[in-house]
Amino acid sequence: MARCAECGFDPAAKPLDEFAPEEVAEPPRGFCPRCGARLPAPTPAVAAEAAAPSAVAALDVPVIPDEELPVPAPEPPVSRVEPEDRSPEPPPAFSTAAPPTDLSEVRRDTERALADRAGRRAARRQSAVVIWVALIAVCCVVAFAGGAVLRNRGRAGRPASTAGGASAARTGAAGAASSPTSVPTTPTGSTASPVRGTQSGLMSGQPPSGRATSGPAAAGTGSTPKAVAPQRPLTYSVLNMEHLPAEAFGNKQAFVNWMVAHKHEDPKFLAQRWDRAQQCVHIGDMKQRRVLEAFLLTPREKFCRPWNLSRAYDHAYLDIHYGSTISGPNIMARMTDALNLKPSDHVLEIGTGSGYQSGILSNLCNHVYSIEIIAPLAKETRALYDKLIADGYKEYTNIQTKPGDGYYGWEEGAPFQGIVVTCSLDHEPPPLLRQLAIGGRMVIPIGPPGDQKVWCLTKVKTPDGKVKLERRDLYPNFGKKIDFLRFVDATGHAHGKAE
């Protein structure tokens, strides 16, 4: 029991039985028996120490003083022997060498290693250069040998033609001796145009493409003339055409009356044609009187289809089936005027279509060639020409047509003084440029779909003998877009630069 903090009662100092009975009460456990105040809780060590004597006395065990207790003998010290290290010695490779004190040797070794690596790289580069030079030399030798073989094969395949050329030369020389001033003439009696000279460069990379001649013209070449397809005889010449009277160009009624009397055409369409021609002249689409007369003599309504006959002279594209159209009369007039054709010229049209463009050209020159890629349309147009010839339009007998891809031109009729392309490309076609004569003109729309420019390309020869193209935009100040059909091949795919 702890000491009371109120009255100072300490049972260890004065037991309860020494107090008078009136001074001692029987309080609850944890309270002072003298004053009844709560006693402080004893610490465990104090409580154990206080309870130890009574517990020992209860056990009735004799207490032995500490000094009488037996002292145990000290244990002898245990000697520990460390085991012998039997691990093998490390190999010399793993031993660490002492760092050198002089770095000059290290520097020399490093420089030597770098020099060896640079030498190996230089040797590899030199080997690569030698290999590439050898490959290029081998390719050149193979190409040269292949070209020589092809040339020899070509010469070997022409012995008969060479002999024929010599025979023709001897025959021509004899003819020249008997008639030195003779000049070949056409079936109509007009003088034939001379054979045009050869051309060089990209635009004339093909062999000389003159027309077939006979007599002195053939003998002068010393070789066989180029074979050409047989041409129909010239039964009509624009030099003999019946021209419009002068008053018909300035008076509509005079024009209508003369055409009704001589061509038996519909006065309604004649009046529309005259009005459209005057508009073309006014805005500059036609500047030559010959082109104006050809325009007035060509019945556009006969090349239209029944469903758009009422719009024959509208400035618009008209449908003719097969995905094709007739270009507007103003555009056709400007493109034709830019060709500047003469009666003896040969002109090529790419894209026959309805036949209207070739109809205008047949009133300007005697040799008109036209190619159409759509075979059924080419057949229809040829039948239309034959019908109009039977109706009295003799100028259409000079139009030769064929179905085919116009991108490659018409070799048998080349060279041409004029080429008109009525469908658009994204480049200038090399085959047509080669077939264009020196001084000739090609009118062609070039550009992306819906935004083409109509170019006039003139093939000229410079004083130093080179051939070049002069380009002129037919609509330099034209803000409206011009839309032509695309130039396609037989499969329907547009000709592009990959051609």
Protein backbone atom coordinates (compact mmCIF):
# COMPACT_ATOMS: atom_id res chain seq x y z
CA MET A 1 0.00 0.00 0.00
CA ALA A 2 1.34 3.42 -0.94
CA ARG A 3 1.77 6.37 1.34
CA CYS A 4 -1.37 8.57 1.69
CA ALA A 5 -0.94 12.02 0.30
CA GLU A 6 -3.59 13.52 2.65
CA CYS A 7 -2.67 12.31 6.09
CA GLY A 8 0.75 10.91 5.47
CA PHE A 9 -0.24 7.41 6.57
CA ASP A 10 2.38 4.85 5.61
CA PRO A 11 1.63 1.26 6.59
CA ALA A 12 5.31 0.35 6.10
CA ALA A 13 6.37 2.84 8.77
CA LYS A 14 3.52 2.17 11.26
CA PRO A 15 1.32 -0.92 10.87
CA LEU A 16 -2.41 -0.63 11.34
CA ASP A 17 -2.47 -2.59 14.54
CA GLU A 18 -0.49 0.16 16.33
CA PHE A 19 -3.26 2.69 15.80
CA ALA A 20 -6.20 3.11 18.10
CA PRO A 21 -9.33 1.46 16.88
CA GLU A 22 -11.07 4.76 16.41
CA GLU A 23 -8.28 5.97 14.16
CA VAL A 24 -8.55 3.03 11.76
CA ALA A 25 -11.45 2.23 9.52
CA GLU A 26 -11.98 -0.58 6.95
CA PRO A 27 -11.93 1.38 3.71
CA PRO A 28 -12.36 -0.06 0.24
CA ARG A 29 -9.33 -1.32 -1.47
CA GLY A 30 -7.19 1.55 -2.79
CA PHE A 31 -8.26 4.07 -0.20
CA CYS A 32 -6.48 5.24 2.97
CA PRO A 33 -7.73 3.34 6.07
CA ARG A 34 -7.06 6.34 8.22
CA CYS A 35 -8.55 9.30 6.30
CA GLY A 36 -10.36 7.51 3.45
CA ALA A 37 -8.55 9.45 0.69
CA ARG A 38 -7.64 7.70 -2.57
CA LEU A 39 -4.20 6.30 -2.42
CA PRO A 40 -1.78 6.75 -5.33
CA ALA A 41 -1.36 3.63 -7.43
CA PRO A 42 1.92 1.87 -6.58
CA THR A 43 4.41 1.31 -9.38
CA PRO A 44 4.98 -2.31 -10.38
CA ALA A 45 8.55 -2.31 -9.11
CA VAL A 46 7.50 -0.92 -5.71
CA ALA A 47 4.63 -3.33 -5.50
CA ALA A 48 6.85 -6.30 -6.35
CA GLU A 49 9.51 -5.19 -3.91
CA ALA A 50 6.91 -4.77 -1.16
CA ALA A 51 5.36 -8.13 -1.88
CA ALA A 52 8.68 -10.02 -2.16
CA PRO A 53 9.34 -10.57 1.60
CA SER A 54 5.87 -11.85 2.25
CA ALA A 55 6.01 -14.13 -0.80
CA VAL A 56 9.34 -15.58 0.27
CA ALA A 57 8.07 -16.05 3.80
CA ALA A 58 5.02 -17.87 2.49
CA LEU A 59 7.21 -20.33 0.59
CA ASP A 60 9.24 -21.09 3.69
CA VAL A 61 12.51 -21.19 1.76
CA PRO A 62 15.73 -20.39 3.56
CA VAL A 63 17.40 -17.29 2.34
CA ILE A 64 21.07 -17.65 1.60
CA PRO A 65 23.17 -14.54 1.66
CA ASP A 66 24.89 -13.55 -1.52
CA GLU A 67 28.33 -13.96 -0.06
CA GLU A 68 27.68 -17.65 0.79
CA LEU A 69 26.59 -18.59 -2.73
CA PRO A 70 29.06 -20.85 -4.60
CA VAL A 71 31.03 -19.17 -7.34
CA PRO A 72 31.10 -21.18 -10.61
CA ALA A 73 34.52 -22.01 -12.00
CA PRO A 74 35.41 -20.01 -15.13
CA GLU A 75 35.17 -21.91 -18.38
CA PRO A 76 38.44 -22.43 -20.21
CA PRO A 77 38.79 -20.19 -23.28
CA VAL A 78 37.97 -21.86 -26.63
CA SER A 79 40.67 -21.42 -29.22
CA ARG A 80 39.39 -20.83 -32.73
CA VAL A 81 41.62 -21.80 -35.62
CA GLU A 82 40.88 -19.97 -38.89
CA PRO A 83 40.55 -22.37 -41.88
CA GLU A 84 43.34 -22.31 -44.39
CA ASP A 85 42.58 -20.38 -47.60
CA ARG A 86 42.84 -22.95 -50.39
CA SER A 87 41.30 -20.83 -53.25
CA PRO A 88 43.42 -20.80 -56.45
CA GLU A 89 45.41 -17.80 -57.40
CA PRO A 90 43.67 -15.52 -59.98
CA PRO A 91 44.94 -15.85 -63.58
CA PRO A 92 47.25 -13.16 -64.92
CA ALA A 93 44.51 -11.81 -67.26
CA PHE A 94 42.54 -10.54 -64.27
CA SER A 95 45.43 -8.92 -62.61
CA THR A 96 45.39 -5.16 -62.74
CA ALA A 97 48.47 -3.61 -64.20
CA ALA A 98 49.86 -0.58 -62.62
CA PRO A 99 48.99 2.61 -64.53
CA PRO A 100 51.86 3.88 -66.64
CA THR A 101 53.58 6.97 -65.50
CA ASP A 102 54.70 7.98 -69.02
CA LEU A 103 51.71 8.64 -71.40
CA SER A 104 53.75 9.15 -74.56
CA GLU A 105 53.65 5.43 -75.36
CA VAL A 106 49.85 5.40 -74.92
CA ARG A 107 49.52 8.43 -77.20
CA ARG A 108 51.64 6.77 -79.88
CA ASP A 109 49.56 3.59 -79.73
CA THR A 110 46.34 5.60 -80.07
CA GLU A 111 47.61 7.57 -83.04
CA ARG A 112 48.81 4.37 -84.70
CA ALA A 113 45.35 2.76 -84.27
CA LEU A 114 43.58 5.83 -85.71
CA ALA A 115 45.93 5.90 -88.70
CA ASP A 116 45.27 2.20 -89.37
CA ARG A 117 41.49 2.77 -89.30
CA ALA A 118 41.72 5.76 -91.67
CA GLY A 119 43.85 3.70 -94.04
CA ARG A 120 41.30 0.90 -94.11
CA ARG A 121 38.49 3.36 -94.86
CA ALA A 122 40.44 4.96 -97.70
CA ALA A 123 41.16 1.52 -99.16
CA ARG A 124 37.45 0.63 -99.08
CA ARG A 125 36.50 3.89 -100.80
CA GLN A 126 39.10 3.37 -103.48
CA SER A 127 37.86 -0.16 -104.10
CA ALA A 128 34.26 1.08 -104.45
CA VAL A 129 35.30 3.76 -106.98
CA VAL A 130 37.20 1.20 -109.03
CA ILE A 131 34.21 -1.17 -109.05
CA TRP A 132 31.76 1.56 -110.15
CA VAL A 133 34.07 2.78 -112.91
CA ALA A 134 34.43 -0.78 -114.16
CA LEU A 135 30.62 -1.28 -114.16
CA ILE A 136 30.04 1.95 -116.08
CA ALA A 137 32.69 1.01 -118.62
CA VAL A 138 31.12 -2.41 -119.11
CA CYS A 139 27.66 -0.86 -119.60
CA CYS A 140 29.03 1.59 -122.18
CA VAL A 141 30.76 -1.20 -124.08
CA VAL A 142 27.60 -3.32 -124.06
CA ALA A 143 25.45 -0.39 -125.23
CA PHE A 144 27.88 0.47 -128.00
CA ALA A 145 28.11 -3.15 -129.12
CA GLY A 146 24.31 -3.50 -129.07
CA GLY A 147 23.88 -0.34 -131.13
CA ALA A 148 26.43 -1.59 -133.65
CA VAL A 149 24.60 -4.91 -133.93
CA LEU A 150 21.28 -3.17 -134.49
CA ARG A 151 22.78 -0.87 -137.12
CA ASN A 152 24.38 -3.79 -138.94
CA ARG A 153 21.12 -5.71 -138.79
CA GLY A 154 19.27 -2.74 -140.23
CA ARG A 155 21.77 -2.40 -143.06
CA ALA A 156 21.61 -6.12 -143.72
CA GLY A 157 17.83 -5.94 -144.01
CA ARG A 158 17.88 -3.24 -146.72
CA PRO A 159 19.89 -4.69 -149.64
CA ALA A 160 16.94 -4.82 -152.00
CA SER A 161 15.81 -1.27 -151.23
CA THR A 162 19.35 0.02 -151.78
CA ALA A 163 19.51 -1.67 -155.14
CA GLY A 164 16.06 -0.30 -155.92
CA GLY A 165 17.25 3.16 -154.96
CA ALA A 166 20.21 2.90 -157.31
CA SER A 167 17.91 1.72 -160.10
CA ALA A 168 15.54 4.58 -159.39
CA ALA A 169 18.49 6.98 -159.47
CA ARG A 170 19.58 5.67 -162.88
CA THR A 171 16.02 5.88 -164.19
CA GLY A 172 15.60 9.36 -162.75
CA ALA A 173 18.88 10.49 -164.28
CA ALA A 174 17.75 9.29 -167.66
CA GLY A 175 14.43 11.07 -167.24
CA ALA A 176 16.19 14.23 -166.16
CA ALA A 177 18.43 14.12 -169.23
CA SER A 178 15.47 13.76 -171.56
CA SER A 179 13.28 16.36 -169.84
CA PRO A 180 15.32 18.59 -167.51
CA THR A 181 12.56 21.14 -166.96
CA SER A 182 9.64 18.79 -166.41
CA VAL A 183 7.61 19.31 -163.20
CA PRO A 184 5.16 16.68 -161.84
CA THR A 185 1.57 17.82 -161.70
CA THR A 186 -1.49 16.81 -159.71
CA PRO A 187 -4.46 15.03 -161.32
CA THR A 188 -6.25 18.38 -161.64
CA GLY A 189 -3.36 19.92 -163.53
CA SER A 190 -2.13 22.11 -160.69
CA THR A 191 1.58 22.16 -159.87
CA ALA A 192 2.53 19.71 -157.12
CA SER A 193 4.23 21.11 -154.07
CA PRO A 194 7.96 20.21 -153.87
CA VAL A 195 9.17 17.60 -151.44
CA ARG A 196 9.93 19.28 -148.13
CA GLY A 197 13.40 19.03 -146.64
CA THR A 198 14.35 16.85 -143.74
CA GLN A 199 14.23 18.09 -140.18
CA SER A 200 16.48 17.38 -137.21
CA GLY A 201 16.25 17.45 -133.46
CA LEU A 202 13.56 16.14 -131.11
CA MET A 203 10.68 17.31 -133.28
CA SER A 204 12.12 15.64 -136.37
CA GLY A 205 13.88 12.61 -134.93
CA GLN A 206 12.18 10.27 -137.40
CA PRO A 207 13.63 9.46 -140.83
CA PRO A 208 12.92 12.03 -143.58
CA SER A 209 9.19 11.95 -144.18
CA GLY A 210 8.60 13.44 -147.59
CA ARG A 211 5.77 12.43 -149.88
CA ALA A 212 6.33 9.90 -152.62
CA THR A 213 7.59 11.47 -155.83
CA SER A 214 8.70 10.20 -159.16
CA GLY A 215 11.17 11.16 -161.85
CA PRO A 216 13.86 13.70 -161.02
CA ALA A 217 12.58 14.36 -157.52
CA ALA A 218 13.13 10.75 -156.54
CA ALA A 219 16.44 10.47 -158.37
CA GLY A 220 17.93 13.44 -156.59
CA THR A 221 17.67 11.75 -153.19
CA GLY A 222 19.73 8.69 -154.14
CA SER A 223 17.47 6.43 -152.01
CA THR A 224 14.03 4.89 -152.19
CA PRO A 225 11.22 7.38 -151.43
CA LYS A 226 9.09 6.65 -148.40
CA ALA A 227 6.12 4.46 -149.21
CA VAL A 228 2.81 6.19 -148.59
CA ALA A 229 -0.75 4.95 -148.49
CA PRO A 230 -2.67 5.38 -151.74
CA GLN A 231 -4.60 8.64 -151.75
CA ARG A 232 -7.89 9.28 -153.47
CA PRO A 233 -7.54 11.44 -156.58
CA LEU A 234 -8.08 15.15 -156.11
CA THR A 235 -11.45 15.82 -157.74
CA TYR A 236 -12.00 19.27 -156.26
CA SER A 237 -9.67 22.24 -155.75
CA VAL A 238 -10.39 25.23 -153.59
CA LEU A 239 -8.74 27.31 -156.33
CA ASN A 240 -11.78 26.53 -158.48
CA MET A 241 -14.41 27.08 -155.80
CA GLU A 242 -17.36 29.34 -156.41
CA HIS A 243 -16.78 32.32 -154.14
CA LEU A 244 -19.38 34.38 -152.34
CA PRO A 245 -20.17 37.76 -153.92
CA ALA A 246 -18.61 40.76 -152.23
CA GLU A 247 -21.97 42.11 -151.04
CA ALA A 248 -22.68 38.86 -149.16
CA PHE A 249 -19.99 39.70 -146.57
CA GLY A 250 -21.69 42.96 -145.54
CA ASN A 251 -25.38 42.34 -146.24
CA LYS A 252 -27.27 39.53 -144.56
CA GLN A 253 -30.08 39.37 -147.08
CA ALA A 254 -27.68 39.26 -150.02
CA PHE A 255 -25.87 36.34 -148.37
CA VAL A 256 -29.13 34.46 -147.69
CA ASN A 257 -30.40 34.97 -151.22
CA TRP A 258 -27.16 33.80 -152.84
CA MET A 259 -26.89 30.66 -150.63
CA VAL A 260 -30.53 29.71 -151.23
CA ALA A 261 -30.00 30.03 -154.97
CA HIS A 262 -26.70 28.11 -155.11
CA LYS A 263 -26.71 25.75 -152.08
CA HIS A 264 -30.49 25.38 -151.47
CA GLU A 265 -30.08 25.78 -147.71
CA ASP A 266 -32.63 26.84 -145.08
CA PRO A 267 -32.89 30.66 -144.84
CA LYS A 268 -33.46 30.46 -141.06
CA PHE A 269 -30.10 28.81 -140.44
CA LEU A 270 -28.40 31.02 -143.04
CA ALA A 271 -29.44 34.14 -141.12
CA GLN A 272 -28.15 32.65 -137.84
CA ARG A 273 -24.86 31.69 -139.51
CA TRP A 274 -24.34 35.21 -140.87
CA ASP A 275 -25.03 36.73 -137.43
CA ARG A 276 -22.58 34.36 -135.73
CA ALA A 277 -19.90 35.10 -138.35
CA GLN A 278 -20.28 38.85 -137.80
CA GLN A 279 -19.91 38.38 -134.05
CA CYS A 280 -16.72 36.30 -134.55
CA VAL A 281 -15.28 39.07 -136.70
CA HIS A 282 -16.27 41.74 -134.19
CA ILE A 283 -14.54 40.11 -131.19
CA GLY A 284 -11.46 39.08 -133.19
CA ASP A 285 -12.03 35.33 -133.60
CA MET A 286 -11.65 35.66 -137.39
CA LYS A 287 -9.25 38.09 -139.08
CA GLN A 288 -8.82 36.54 -142.52
CA ARG A 289 -11.39 36.94 -145.28
CA ARG A 290 -10.74 33.38 -146.51
CA VAL A 291 -11.60 31.96 -143.08
CA LEU A 292 -14.75 34.08 -142.92
CA GLU A 293 -15.85 32.76 -146.32
CA ALA A 294 -15.15 29.14 -145.29
CA PHE A 295 -17.20 29.72 -142.13
CA LEU A 296 -20.14 31.11 -144.13
CA LEU A 297 -20.03 28.24 -146.63
CA THR A 298 -20.05 25.45 -143.99
CA PRO A 299 -23.56 24.43 -142.80
CA ARG A 300 -23.04 23.76 -139.07
CA GLU A 301 -26.67 22.66 -138.72
CA LYS A 302 -26.01 19.61 -140.90
CA PHE A 303 -23.35 18.38 -138.44
CA CYS A 304 -25.61 18.76 -135.37
CA ARG A 305 -27.91 16.12 -134.00
CA PRO A 306 -31.73 16.43 -134.17
CA TRP A 307 -32.08 17.11 -130.44
CA ASN A 308 -29.85 20.21 -130.52
CA LEU A 309 -30.58 21.45 -134.04
CA SER A 310 -32.24 24.61 -132.73
CA ARG A 311 -28.94 25.55 -130.99
CA ALA A 312 -26.75 25.00 -134.05
CA TYR A 313 -25.23 28.49 -133.92
CA ASP A 314 -25.17 29.01 -130.15
CA HIS A 315 -21.73 29.67 -128.70
CA ALA A 316 -21.82 26.40 -126.74
CA TYR A 317 -20.67 22.79 -126.81
CA LEU A 318 -23.32 20.49 -128.29
CA ASP A 319 -23.69 16.80 -127.50
CA ILE A 320 -23.29 14.27 -130.34
CA HIS A 321 -23.35 11.07 -128.21
CA TYR A 322 -20.40 8.73 -127.45
CA GLY A 323 -19.31 11.23 -124.82
CA SER A 324 -18.25 13.71 -127.55
CA THR A 325 -19.32 17.24 -128.38
CA ILE A 326 -19.05 19.89 -131.09
CA SER A 327 -16.93 22.81 -129.93
CA GLY A 328 -18.44 26.29 -130.00
CA PRO A 329 -18.33 28.13 -133.36
CA ASN A 330 -16.26 31.01 -131.94
CA ILE A 331 -13.49 28.72 -130.65
CA MET A 332 -13.41 26.79 -133.93
CA ALA A 333 -13.18 30.04 -135.89
CA ARG A 334 -10.25 31.33 -133.81
CA MET A 335 -8.34 28.03 -133.98
CA THR A 336 -8.85 27.80 -137.75
CA ASP A 337 -7.79 31.41 -138.30
CA ALA A 338 -4.54 30.82 -136.34
CA LEU A 339 -3.46 28.04 -138.76
CA ASN A 340 -3.07 30.52 -141.66
CA LEU A 341 -3.58 27.83 -144.32
CA LYS A 342 -2.95 28.02 -148.04
CA PRO A 343 -4.81 25.99 -150.73
CA SER A 344 -1.87 23.60 -151.32
CA ASP A 345 -1.26 22.86 -147.65
CA HIS A 346 -1.80 19.54 -145.89
CA VAL A 347 -3.71 19.87 -142.63
CA LEU A 348 -4.37 17.25 -139.95
CA GLU A 349 -7.29 17.30 -137.51
CA ILE A 350 -7.13 15.22 -134.32
CA GLY A 351 -10.66 14.39 -133.17
CA THR A 352 -13.06 14.29 -136.13
CA GLY A 353 -16.14 14.37 -133.93
CA SER A 354 -19.18 15.47 -135.90
CA GLY A 355 -17.02 16.59 -138.86
CA TYR A 356 -17.75 20.33 -138.69
CA GLN A 357 -14.10 21.40 -138.20
CA SER A 358 -12.94 19.38 -141.22
CA GLY A 359 -15.81 20.85 -143.21
CA ILE A 360 -14.44 24.36 -142.61
CA LEU A 361 -10.87 23.22 -143.41
CA SER A 362 -11.95 21.67 -146.72
CA ASN A 363 -12.89 25.17 -147.96
CA LEU A 364 -9.35 26.40 -147.19
CA CYS A 365 -7.01 23.68 -148.53
CA ASN A 366 -7.10 20.63 -150.76
CA HIS A 367 -5.67 18.01 -148.36
CA VAL A 368 -7.53 17.44 -145.11
CA TYR A 369 -6.77 14.44 -142.88
CA SER A 370 -8.90 13.67 -139.83
CA ILE A 371 -8.58 10.95 -137.15
CA GLU A 372 -11.25 9.87 -134.65
CA ILE A 373 -10.57 7.50 -131.73
CA ILE A 374 -14.24 6.37 -131.42
CA ALA A 375 -14.78 3.95 -134.31
CA PRO A 376 -18.64 4.16 -134.45
CA LEU A 377 -18.49 7.97 -134.46
CA ALA A 378 -15.84 7.92 -137.21
CA LYS A 379 -18.12 5.67 -139.28
CA GLU A 380 -21.12 7.97 -138.78
CA THR A 381 -19.14 11.05 -139.79
CA ARG A 382 -17.73 9.37 -142.90
CA ALA A 383 -21.29 8.45 -143.94
CA LEU A 384 -22.35 12.07 -143.36
CA TYR A 385 -19.52 13.35 -145.59
CA ASP A 386 -20.56 10.96 -148.37
CA LYS A 387 -24.17 12.11 -148.11
CA LEU A 388 -23.19 15.79 -148.27
CA ILE A 389 -20.94 15.10 -151.27
CA ALA A 390 -23.93 13.55 -153.03
CA ASP A 391 -25.94 16.68 -152.15
CA GLY A 392 -23.44 18.91 -153.96
CA TYR A 393 -20.77 19.76 -151.35
CA LYS A 394 -17.85 18.72 -153.57
CA GLU A 395 -15.24 20.23 -151.21
CA TYR A 396 -15.75 17.33 -148.80
CA THR A 397 -14.19 14.92 -151.31
CA ASN A 398 -10.79 16.22 -150.15
CA ILE A 399 -11.36 15.00 -146.57
CA GLN A 400 -9.70 11.71 -145.67
CA THR A 401 -10.79 10.10 -142.40
CA LYS A 402 -9.80 7.05 -140.41
CA PRO A 403 -10.47 5.65 -136.93
CA GLY A 404 -7.44 5.48 -134.65
CA ASP A 405 -5.38 7.12 -131.94
CA GLY A 406 -4.56 10.60 -133.16
CA TYR A 407 -1.73 10.98 -130.64
CA TYR A 408 0.58 9.29 -133.16
CA GLY A 409 -0.60 11.34 -136.12
CA TRP A 410 -0.85 10.22 -139.75
CA GLU A 411 2.60 9.35 -141.08
CA GLU A 412 1.45 8.84 -144.68
CA GLY A 413 0.24 12.41 -145.01
CA ALA A 414 3.12 14.12 -143.18
CA PRO A 415 4.62 16.64 -143.06
CA PHE A 416 1.63 18.90 -142.31
CA GLN A 417 1.56 22.66 -142.60
CA GLY A 418 -1.27 22.76 -140.08
CA ILE A 419 -2.43 20.51 -137.22
CA VAL A 420 -5.51 21.27 -135.16
CA VAL A 421 -6.16 19.25 -131.98
CA THR A 422 -9.74 19.47 -130.67
CA CYS A 423 -9.08 17.66 -127.36
CA SER A 424 -6.78 18.65 -124.51
CA LEU A 425 -3.52 17.21 -123.19
CA ASP A 426 -1.14 18.11 -120.39
CA HIS A 427 1.87 18.30 -122.73
CA GLU A 428 2.92 18.84 -126.34
CA PRO A 429 2.72 15.46 -128.15
CA PRO A 430 6.14 14.58 -129.67
CA PRO A 431 4.74 12.44 -132.56
CA LEU A 432 2.66 15.36 -133.83
CA LEU A 433 5.57 17.78 -133.45
CA ARG A 434 7.72 15.50 -135.58
CA GLN A 435 5.05 15.45 -138.32
CA LEU A 436 4.70 19.24 -138.30
CA ALA A 437 6.52 20.86 -141.22
CA ILE A 438 9.05 23.64 -140.82
CA GLY A 439 7.01 26.83 -140.73
CA GLY A 440 3.85 24.86 -139.90
CA ARG A 441 1.52 25.61 -137.02
CA MET A 442 -0.22 23.43 -134.47
CA VAL A 443 -3.22 24.67 -132.50
CA ILE A 444 -3.78 22.63 -129.35
CA PRO A 445 -5.40 23.10 -125.91
CA ILE A 446 -2.96 22.23 -123.12
CA GLY A 447 -3.60 22.20 -119.39
CA PRO A 448 -5.51 20.46 -116.58
CA PRO A 449 -9.21 19.60 -117.05
CA GLY A 450 -11.42 22.67 -117.09
CA ASP A 451 -8.55 25.14 -117.25
CA GLN A 452 -6.77 24.72 -120.58
CA LYS A 453 -5.00 27.34 -122.64
CA VAL A 454 -5.23 27.20 -126.43
CA TRP A 455 -1.70 27.45 -127.81
CA CYS A 456 -0.48 28.09 -131.32
CA LEU A 457 2.88 26.34 -131.77
CA THR A 458 4.99 27.38 -134.78
CA LYS A 459 7.89 25.16 -135.80
CA VAL A 460 10.77 27.30 -137.06
CA LYS A 461 14.37 26.74 -138.07
CA THR A 462 17.01 29.09 -136.71
CA PRO A 463 19.95 30.40 -138.81
CA ASP A 464 22.30 27.92 -137.13
CA GLY A 465 20.16 24.99 -138.34
CA LYS A 466 18.38 24.18 -135.08
CA VAL A 467 14.63 23.56 -134.88
CA LYS A 468 12.58 25.22 -132.16
CA LEU A 469 8.97 26.03 -131.24
CA GLU A 470 7.47 29.48 -130.93
CA ARG A 471 4.42 29.54 -128.63
CA ARG A 472 1.52 31.98 -128.66
CA ASP A 473 -1.56 31.97 -126.44
CA LEU A 474 -4.71 32.44 -128.54
CA TYR A 475 -6.57 33.87 -125.54
CA PRO A 476 -3.96 35.95 -123.69
CA ASN A 477 -6.53 38.13 -121.90
CA PHE A 478 -9.30 35.57 -121.60
CA GLY A 479 -10.51 35.27 -118.00
CA LYS A 480 -13.07 32.53 -118.58
CA LYS A 481 -11.91 28.93 -118.36
CA ILE A 482 -11.88 26.88 -121.59
CA ASP A 483 -12.93 23.26 -121.23
CA PHE A 484 -12.08 20.65 -123.88
CA LEU A 485 -12.55 16.90 -123.75
CA ARG A 486 -9.47 14.95 -122.68
CA PHE A 487 -7.20 13.35 -125.30
CA VAL A 488 -7.70 9.59 -124.68
CA ASP A 489 -6.33 6.41 -126.18
CA ALA A 490 -8.20 3.32 -127.38
CA THR A 491 -8.67 2.10 -123.78
CA GLY A 492 -10.25 5.37 -122.65
CA HIS A 493 -7.27 6.50 -120.57
CA ALA A 494 -6.02 10.05 -121.04
CA HIS A 495 -2.66 10.53 -122.71
CA GLY A 496 -0.27 11.91 -120.12
CA LYS A 497 3.37 12.88 -119.82
CA ALA A 498 4.30 9.24 -119.22
CA GLU A 499 3.58 8.61 -122.88
